[in-house]
């Protein structure tokens, strides 16, 4: 793993090898607030749909987003 200096922010440290990078990515994601994690996930889903050549998803209607209870279980 790389040598960490106390004056270097974690975002600016280069990890050696895949394992070091994977651990650092997990730490960075764990520090994010929930709303940022959800935004990241939504963007990742858009990228996947784009790469697959699928059309973008439409935004849910306000009554579905609010949970009107009209959905079947």
PDB file of N, CA and C in Angstrom:
ATOM      1  N   UNK A   1       0.847  -1.181   0.000  1.00  0.00           N
ATOM      2  CA  UNK A   1       0.000   0.000   0.000  1.00  0.00           C
ATOM      3  C   UNK A   1       0.888   1.238   0.000  1.00  0.00           C
ATOM      4  N   UNK A   2       0.307   2.381  -0.269  1.00  0.00           N
ATOM      5  CA  UNK A   2       1.114   3.592  -0.362  1.00  0.00           C
ATOM      6  C   UNK A   2       1.377   4.183   1.015  1.00  0.00           C
ATOM      7  N   UNK A   3       2.395   4.980   1.073  1.00  0.00           N
ATOM      8  CA  UNK A   3       2.745   5.651   2.323  1.00  0.00           C
ATOM      9  C   UNK A   3       1.877   6.898   2.452  1.00  0.00           C
ATOM     10  N   UNK A   4       1.158   7.022   3.551  1.00  0.00           N
ATOM     11  CA  UNK A   4       0.283   8.170   3.751  1.00  0.00           C
ATOM     12  C   UNK A   4       0.975   9.210   4.597  1.00  0.00           C
ATOM     13  N   UNK A   5       0.961  10.446   4.102  1.00  0.00           N
ATOM     14  CA  UNK A   5       1.515  11.547   4.863  1.00  0.00           C
ATOM     15  C   UNK A   5       0.371  12.281   5.536  1.00  0.00           C
ATOM     16  N   UNK A   6       0.571  12.753   6.755  1.00  0.00           N
ATOM     17  CA  UNK A   6      -0.528  13.408   7.486  1.00  0.00           C
ATOM     18  C   UNK A   6      -1.032  14.681   6.823  1.00  0.00           C
ATOM     19  N   UNK A   7      -0.212  15.335   5.988  1.00  0.00           N
ATOM     20  CA  UNK A   7      -0.641  16.583   5.365  1.00  0.00           C
ATOM     21  C   UNK A   7      -1.299  16.375   4.004  1.00  0.00           C
ATOM     22  N   UNK A   8      -1.446  15.130   3.554  1.00  0.00           N
ATOM     23  CA  UNK A   8      -2.056  14.837   2.264  1.00  0.00           C
ATOM     24  C   UNK A   8      -3.488  14.356   2.466  1.00  0.00           C
ATOM     25  N   UNK A   9      -4.470  15.042   1.853  1.00  0.00           N
ATOM     26  CA  UNK A   9      -5.859  14.580   1.979  1.00  0.00           C
ATOM     27  C   UNK A   9      -6.010  13.191   1.353  1.00  0.00           C
ATOM     28  N   UNK A  10      -6.886  12.347   1.905  1.00  0.00           N
ATOM     29  CA  UNK A  10      -7.057  10.988   1.382  1.00  0.00           C
ATOM     30  C   UNK A  10      -7.412  10.940  -0.103  1.00  0.00           C
ATOM     31  N   UNK A  11      -8.122  11.959  -0.614  1.00  0.00           N
ATOM     32  CA  UNK A  11      -8.523  11.965  -2.010  1.00  0.00           C
ATOM     33  C   UNK A  11      -7.340  12.112  -2.954  1.00  0.00           C
ATOM     34  N   UNK A  12      -6.198  12.595  -2.451  1.00  0.00           N
ATOM     35  CA  UNK A  12      -5.045  12.845  -3.299  1.00  0.00           C
ATOM     36  C   UNK A  12      -3.978  11.755  -3.184  1.00  0.00           C
ATOM     37  N   UNK A  13      -4.290  10.673  -2.494  1.00  0.00           N
ATOM     38  CA  UNK A  13      -3.327   9.600  -2.315  1.00  0.00           C
ATOM     39  C   UNK A  13      -3.593   8.524  -3.368  1.00  0.00           C
ATOM     40  N   UNK A  14      -2.548   8.090  -4.049  1.00  0.00           N
ATOM     41  CA  UNK A  14      -2.664   7.016  -5.029  1.00  0.00           C
ATOM     42  C   UNK A  14      -2.398   5.693  -4.335  1.00  0.00           C
ATOM     43  N   UNK A  15      -3.325   4.774  -4.467  1.00  0.00           N
ATOM     44  CA  UNK A  15      -3.183   3.462  -3.854  1.00  0.00           C
ATOM     45  C   UNK A  15      -2.397   2.560  -4.805  1.00  0.00           C
ATOM     46  N   UNK A  16      -1.686   1.597  -4.230  1.00  0.00           N
ATOM     47  CA  UNK A  16      -0.980   0.610  -5.052  1.00  0.00           C
ATOM     48  C   UNK A  16      -1.854  -0.608  -5.237  1.00  0.00           C
ATOM     49  N   UNK A  17      -1.997  -1.024  -6.468  1.00  0.00           N
ATOM     50  CA  UNK A  17      -2.727  -2.255  -6.746  1.00  0.00           C
ATOM     51  C   UNK A  17      -4.223  -2.116  -6.605  1.00  0.00           C
ATOM     52  N   UNK A  18      -4.911  -3.152  -7.045  1.00  0.00           N
ATOM     53  CA  UNK A  18      -6.368  -3.147  -7.026  1.00  0.00           C
ATOM     54  C   UNK A  18      -6.928  -3.160  -5.614  1.00  0.00           C
ATOM     55  N   UNK A  19      -6.342  -3.949  -4.711  1.00  0.00           N
ATOM     56  CA  UNK A  19      -6.887  -4.061  -3.357  1.00  0.00           C
ATOM     57  C   UNK A  19      -6.856  -2.731  -2.622  1.00  0.00           C
ATOM     58  N   UNK A  20      -5.757  -2.009  -2.736  1.00  0.00           N
ATOM     59  CA  UNK A  20      -5.675  -0.703  -2.086  1.00  0.00           C
ATOM     60  C   UNK A  20      -6.681   0.272  -2.658  1.00  0.00           C
ATOM     61  N   UNK A  21      -6.852   0.226  -3.971  1.00  0.00           N
ATOM     62  CA  UNK A  21      -7.816   1.111  -4.623  1.00  0.00           C
ATOM     63  C   UNK A  21      -9.239   0.755  -4.201  1.00  0.00           C
ATOM     64  N   UNK A  22      -9.538  -0.527  -4.160  1.00  0.00           N
ATOM     65  CA  UNK A  22     -10.883  -0.964  -3.773  1.00  0.00           C
ATOM     66  C   UNK A  22     -11.221  -0.515  -2.355  1.00  0.00           C
ATOM     67  N   UNK A  23     -10.285  -0.700  -1.426  1.00  0.00           N
ATOM     68  CA  UNK A  23     -10.522  -0.269  -0.036  1.00  0.00           C
ATOM     69  C   UNK A  23     -10.741   1.238   0.043  1.00  0.00           C
ATOM     70  N   UNK A  24      -9.928   1.993  -0.682  1.00  0.00           N
ATOM     71  CA  UNK A  24     -10.057   3.451  -0.657  1.00  0.00           C
ATOM     72  C   UNK A  24     -11.397   3.892  -1.244  1.00  0.00           C
ATOM     73  N   UNK A  25     -11.837   3.242  -2.325  1.00  0.00           N
ATOM     74  CA  UNK A  25     -13.132   3.580  -2.922  1.00  0.00           C
ATOM     75  C   UNK A  25     -14.264   3.280  -1.942  1.00  0.00           C
ATOM     76  N   UNK A  26     -14.184   2.160  -1.268  1.00  0.00           N
ATOM     77  CA  UNK A  26     -15.221   1.814  -0.284  1.00  0.00           C
ATOM     78  C   UNK A  26     -15.257   2.832   0.863  1.00  0.00           C
ATOM     79  N   UNK A  27     -14.087   3.259   1.318  1.00  0.00           N
ATOM     80  CA  UNK A  27     -14.041   4.268   2.390  1.00  0.00           C
ATOM     81  C   UNK A  27     -14.661   5.582   1.921  1.00  0.00           C
ATOM     82  N   UNK A  28     -14.327   5.995   0.700  1.00  0.00           N
ATOM     83  CA  UNK A  28     -14.884   7.254   0.175  1.00  0.00           C
ATOM     84  C   UNK A  28     -16.405   7.169   0.065  1.00  0.00           C
ATOM     85  N   UNK A  29     -16.914   6.057  -0.462  1.00  0.00           N
ATOM     86  CA  UNK A  29     -18.361   5.914  -0.599  1.00  0.00           C
ATOM     87  C   UNK A  29     -19.044   5.838   0.770  1.00  0.00           C
ATOM     88  N   UNK A  30     -18.421   5.197   1.732  1.00  0.00           N
ATOM     89  CA  UNK A  30     -19.015   5.072   3.065  1.00  0.00           C
ATOM     90  C   UNK A  30     -19.153   6.432   3.745  1.00  0.00           C
ATOM     91  N   UNK A  31     -18.258   7.369   3.422  1.00  0.00           N
ATOM     92  CA  UNK A  31     -18.312   8.699   4.046  1.00  0.00           C
ATOM     93  C   UNK A  31     -19.389   9.597   3.453  1.00  0.00           C
ATOM     94  N   UNK A  32     -19.904   9.243   2.262  1.00  0.00           N
ATOM     95  CA  UNK A  32     -20.902  10.096   1.626  1.00  0.00           C
ATOM     96  C   UNK A  32     -22.232  10.034   2.377  1.00  0.00           C
ATOM     97  N   UNK A  33     -22.955  11.152   2.421  1.00  0.00           N
ATOM     98  CA  UNK A  33     -24.302  11.111   2.998  1.00  0.00           C
ATOM     99  C   UNK A  33     -25.227  10.323   2.063  1.00  0.00           C
ATOM    100  N   UNK A  34     -26.343   9.858   2.602  1.00  0.00           N
ATOM    101  CA  UNK A  34     -27.268   9.020   1.845  1.00  0.00           C
ATOM    102  C   UNK A  34     -27.714   9.677   0.547  1.00  0.00           C
ATOM    103  N   UNK A  35     -28.021  10.968   0.566  1.00  0.00           N
ATOM    104  CA  UNK A  35     -28.524  11.620  -0.645  1.00  0.00           C
ATOM    105  C   UNK A  35     -27.474  11.600  -1.751  1.00  0.00           C
ATOM    106  N   UNK A  36     -26.191  11.691  -1.400  1.00  0.00           N
ATOM    107  CA  UNK A  36     -25.139  11.632  -2.420  1.00  0.00           C
ATOM    108  C   UNK A  36     -24.973  10.215  -2.952  1.00  0.00           C
ATOM    109  N   UNK A  37     -25.127   9.227  -2.084  1.00  0.00           N
ATOM    110  CA  UNK A  37     -25.053   7.839  -2.532  1.00  0.00           C
ATOM    111  C   UNK A  37     -26.179   7.550  -3.516  1.00  0.00           C
ATOM    112  N   UNK A  38     -27.387   8.032  -3.215  1.00  0.00           N
ATOM    113  CA  UNK A  38     -28.523   7.823  -4.116  1.00  0.00           C
ATOM    114  C   UNK A  38     -28.309   8.545  -5.444  1.00  0.00           C
ATOM    115  N   UNK A  39     -27.795   9.768  -5.392  1.00  0.00           N
ATOM    116  CA  UNK A  39     -27.518  10.507  -6.630  1.00  0.00           C
ATOM    117  C   UNK A  39     -26.481   9.765  -7.466  1.00  0.00           C
ATOM    118  N   UNK A  40     -25.448   9.226  -6.820  1.00  0.00           N
ATOM    119  CA  UNK A  40     -24.422   8.463  -7.527  1.00  0.00           C
ATOM    120  C   UNK A  40     -25.037   7.234  -8.190  1.00  0.00           C
ATOM    121  N   UNK A  41     -25.888   6.526  -7.457  1.00  0.00           N
ATOM    122  CA  UNK A  41     -26.521   5.326  -7.983  1.00  0.00           C
ATOM    123  C   UNK A  41     -27.428   5.651  -9.172  1.00  0.00           C
ATOM    124  N   UNK A  42     -28.207   6.722  -9.064  1.00  0.00           N
ATOM    125  CA  UNK A  42     -29.079   7.119 -10.169  1.00  0.00           C
ATOM    126  C   UNK A  42     -28.265   7.462 -11.413  1.00  0.00           C
ATOM    127  N   UNK A  43     -27.159   8.163 -11.234  1.00  0.00           N
ATOM    128  CA  UNK A  43     -26.304   8.500 -12.369  1.00  0.00           C
ATOM    129  C   UNK A  43     -25.698   7.231 -12.978  1.00  0.00           C
ATOM    130  N   UNK A  44     -25.280   6.293 -12.138  1.00  0.00           N
ATOM    131  CA  UNK A  44     -24.720   5.029 -12.635  1.00  0.00           C
ATOM    132  C   UNK A  44     -25.771   4.270 -13.447  1.00  0.00           C
ATOM    133  N   UNK A  45     -27.009   4.294 -12.998  1.00  0.00           N
ATOM    134  CA  UNK A  45     -28.082   3.621 -13.741  1.00  0.00           C
ATOM    135  C   UNK A  45     -28.308   4.295 -15.095  1.00  0.00           C
ATOM    136  N   UNK A  46     -28.227   5.632 -15.143  1.00  0.00           N
ATOM    137  CA  UNK A  46     -28.370   6.340 -16.418  1.00  0.00           C
ATOM    138  C   UNK A  46     -27.249   5.960 -17.380  1.00  0.00           C
ATOM    139  N   UNK A  47     -26.037   5.859 -16.856  1.00  0.00           N
ATOM    140  CA  UNK A  47     -24.893   5.481 -17.697  1.00  0.00           C
ATOM    141  C   UNK A  47     -25.084   4.075 -18.257  1.00  0.00           C
ATOM    142  N   UNK A  48     -25.522   3.142 -17.434  1.00  0.00           N
ATOM    143  CA  UNK A  48     -25.740   1.768 -17.886  1.00  0.00           C
ATOM    144  C   UNK A  48     -26.794   1.739 -18.983  1.00  0.00           C
ATOM    145  N   UNK A  49     -27.900   2.434 -18.777  1.00  0.00           N
ATOM    146  CA  UNK A  49     -28.957   2.473 -19.800  1.00  0.00           C
ATOM    147  C   UNK A  49     -28.420   3.071 -21.091  1.00  0.00           C
ATOM    148  N   UNK A  50     -27.621   4.110 -20.997  1.00  0.00           N
ATOM    149  CA  UNK A  50     -27.049   4.739 -22.186  1.00  0.00           C
ATOM    150  C   UNK A  50     -26.120   3.764 -22.918  1.00  0.00           C
ATOM    151  N   UNK A  51     -25.253   3.083 -22.168  1.00  0.00           N
ATOM    152  CA  UNK A  51     -24.311   2.142 -22.775  1.00  0.00           C
ATOM    153  C   UNK A  51     -25.027   0.964 -23.426  1.00  0.00           C
ATOM    154  N   UNK A  52     -26.163   0.583 -22.880  1.00  0.00           N
ATOM    155  CA  UNK A  52     -26.944  -0.510 -23.461  1.00  0.00           C
ATOM    156  C   UNK A  52     -27.815  -0.044 -24.625  1.00  0.00           C
ATOM    157  N   UNK A  53     -27.840   1.250 -24.877  1.00  0.00           N
ATOM    158  CA  UNK A  53     -28.655   1.782 -25.955  1.00  0.00           C
ATOM    159  C   UNK A  53     -30.129   1.846 -25.622  1.00  0.00           C
ATOM    160  N   UNK A  54     -30.454   1.862 -24.333  1.00  0.00           N
ATOM    161  CA  UNK A  54     -31.849   1.926 -23.897  1.00  0.00           C
ATOM    162  C   UNK A  54     -32.265   3.376 -23.711  1.00  0.00           C
ATOM    163  N   UNK A  55     -33.534   3.677 -23.938  1.00  0.00           N
ATOM    164  CA  UNK A  55     -33.994   5.060 -23.728  1.00  0.00           C
ATOM    165  C   UNK A  55     -33.964   5.421 -22.248  1.00  0.00           C
ATOM    166  N   UNK A  56     -33.816   6.710 -21.945  1.00  0.00           N
ATOM    167  CA  UNK A  56     -33.834   7.138 -20.533  1.00  0.00           C
ATOM    168  C   UNK A  56     -35.184   6.825 -19.893  1.00  0.00           C
ATOM    169  N   UNK A  57     -35.175   6.557 -18.604  1.00  0.00           N
ATOM    170  CA  UNK A  57     -36.417   6.321 -17.878  1.00  0.00           C
ATOM    171  C   UNK A  57     -37.150   7.633 -17.684  1.00  0.00           C
ATOM    172  N   UNK A  58     -38.457   7.563 -17.738  1.00  0.00           N
ATOM    173  CA  UNK A  58     -39.253   8.754 -17.446  1.00  0.00           C
ATOM    174  C   UNK A  58     -39.357   8.918 -15.939  1.00  0.00           C
ATOM    175  N   UNK A  59     -39.473  10.145 -15.506  1.00  0.00           N
ATOM    176  CA  UNK A  59     -39.650  10.404 -14.075  1.00  0.00           C
ATOM    177  C   UNK A  59     -41.005   9.850 -13.648  1.00  0.00           C
ATOM    178  N   UNK A  60     -41.104   9.266 -12.457  1.00  0.00           N
ATOM    179  CA  UNK A  60     -42.398   8.744 -12.002  1.00  0.00           C
ATOM    180  C   UNK A  60     -43.394   9.880 -11.812  1.00  0.00           C
ATOM    181  N   UNK A  61     -44.672   9.565 -12.008  1.00  0.00           N
ATOM    182  CA  UNK A  61     -45.696  10.583 -11.803  1.00  0.00           C
ATOM    183  C   UNK A  61     -45.734  10.947 -10.327  1.00  0.00           C
ATOM    184  N   UNK A  62     -46.185  12.158  -9.999  1.00  0.00           N
ATOM    185  CA  UNK A  62     -46.171  12.608  -8.593  1.00  0.00           C
ATOM    186  C   UNK A  62     -46.947  11.691  -7.645  1.00  0.00           C
ATOM    187  N   UNK A  63     -48.077  11.107  -8.101  1.00  0.00           N
ATOM    188  CA  UNK A  63     -48.848  10.251  -7.197  1.00  0.00           C
ATOM    189  C   UNK A  63     -48.124   8.936  -6.909  1.00  0.00           C
ATOM    190  N   UNK A  64     -47.359   8.406  -7.861  1.00  0.00           N
ATOM    191  CA  UNK A  64     -46.589   7.186  -7.621  1.00  0.00           C
ATOM    192  C   UNK A  64     -45.412   7.502  -6.708  1.00  0.00           C
ATOM    193  N   UNK A  65     -44.743   8.629  -6.969  1.00  0.00           N
ATOM    194  CA  UNK A  65     -43.599   9.015  -6.143  1.00  0.00           C
ATOM    195  C   UNK A  65     -44.018   9.272  -4.703  1.00  0.00           C
ATOM    196  N   UNK A  66     -45.235   9.785  -4.515  1.00  0.00           N
ATOM    197  CA  UNK A  66     -45.714  10.099  -3.174  1.00  0.00           C
ATOM    198  C   UNK A  66     -46.298   8.868  -2.477  1.00  0.00           C
ATOM    199  N   UNK A  67     -46.460   7.764  -3.241  1.00  0.00           N
ATOM    200  CA  UNK A  67     -47.014   6.554  -2.624  1.00  0.00           C
ATOM    201  C   UNK A  67     -48.497   6.676  -2.363  1.00  0.00           C
ATOM    202  N   UNK A  68     -49.283   6.895  -3.430  1.00  0.00           N
ATOM    203  CA  UNK A  68     -50.722   7.111  -3.268  1.00  0.00           C
ATOM    204  C   UNK A  68     -51.462   5.866  -2.795  1.00  0.00           C
ATOM    205  N   UNK A  69     -50.783   4.722  -2.827  1.00  0.00           N
ATOM    206  CA  UNK A  69     -51.444   3.504  -2.368  1.00  0.00           C
ATOM    207  C   UNK A  69     -52.225   2.810  -3.461  1.00  0.00           C
ATOM    208  N   UNK A  70     -52.190   3.329  -4.699  1.00  0.00           N
ATOM    209  CA  UNK A  70     -52.945   2.717  -5.782  1.00  0.00           C
ATOM    210  C   UNK A  70     -52.161   1.589  -6.449  1.00  0.00           C
ATOM    211  N   UNK A  71     -50.917   1.360  -6.033  1.00  0.00           N
ATOM    212  CA  UNK A  71     -50.125   0.287  -6.623  1.00  0.00           C
ATOM    213  C   UNK A  71     -50.618  -1.047  -6.085  1.00  0.00           C
ATOM    214  N   UNK A  72     -50.544  -2.068  -6.945  1.00  0.00           N
ATOM    215  CA  UNK A  72     -50.924  -3.410  -6.499  1.00  0.00           C
ATOM    216  C   UNK A  72     -49.729  -4.081  -5.859  1.00  0.00           C
ATOM    217  N   UNK A  73     -49.994  -4.908  -4.858  1.00  0.00           N
ATOM    218  CA  UNK A  73     -48.912  -5.606  -4.156  1.00  0.00           C
ATOM    219  C   UNK A  73     -48.883  -7.048  -4.569  1.00  0.00           C
TER     220      UNK A  73
END
